[in-house]
Amino acid sequence: MLPDNTEHDDKLPDPEVFTKNLIQGFKSKAVHNKNESMFFFWLSMGGALTAPLFLTLGSGMFLEKVVPSMLSALVAFSTTWLQLRKPQQLWALYRTSQREIEDNLHKFQYKILDYKDSAHPEKLLIERVSKIALDAHYSWLPMVPNPENIQGSSKQRTQES
C-alpha cells in the first residue's frame, strides 16, 4: 500500500498507472476471449450447417463422406471447447472487471463520491481496484476445467439417459 503522505513511494507504481495497467490487462484478456468465443461459435455453426449440404449435394466419396465427417469432428471439437473453456463467460467476466476498474478510475480522477471525502484517495483507489482484480480471479477459478467437473458431468448425462 501507499505510505500515509500524499506522495507515492518511488518504488511503487503511481496509482493511476497501476490502475491503467490493470484496465489494459483485463481489456486484452476480454478481447482474446471474445475472439476465441466467436471463432469457435462460427466454426460450430458453419460446420453444422454445411455438413448436411455436402451429404445431400456432394458427388463422389470425398465430398459425400470425408468432408462431412471432418466437419462433424470440427463441430464436436468446437462445442466441447466452448463448453469446457467457457471463453464467452470469461469474456463477460473480464469486460465487467475492466468497466468496474474504469469507473473507479474516473471517480478518482474527478474526485467524486467516496474519493472526494477520502483523506487518501490514492490508497482507496488501489484498495478498490485490487479487490476487483482479486474478485475476478476468484470468479474465474471455478470455470477452470478439472477432472472432477468433467467426470461429474459425464456421470450426470449417463444418469439422465
Foldseek 3Di string as FASTA:
>chain_A
DADLDQDGDPVDDQLLVVLVVLLVVLVVLLVVLVVLLVVLVCLLVVLVVCLVVQCPPNDDDCSNPVSNVVSVVSNVVSVVCCQQQVSVVSNVLSVVLSVVSVVLSVCCVVCDDPSVPDPHSSVVSVVVNVVSVVVSVVVCVVSHDDPVVVVVVVVVVVVVD
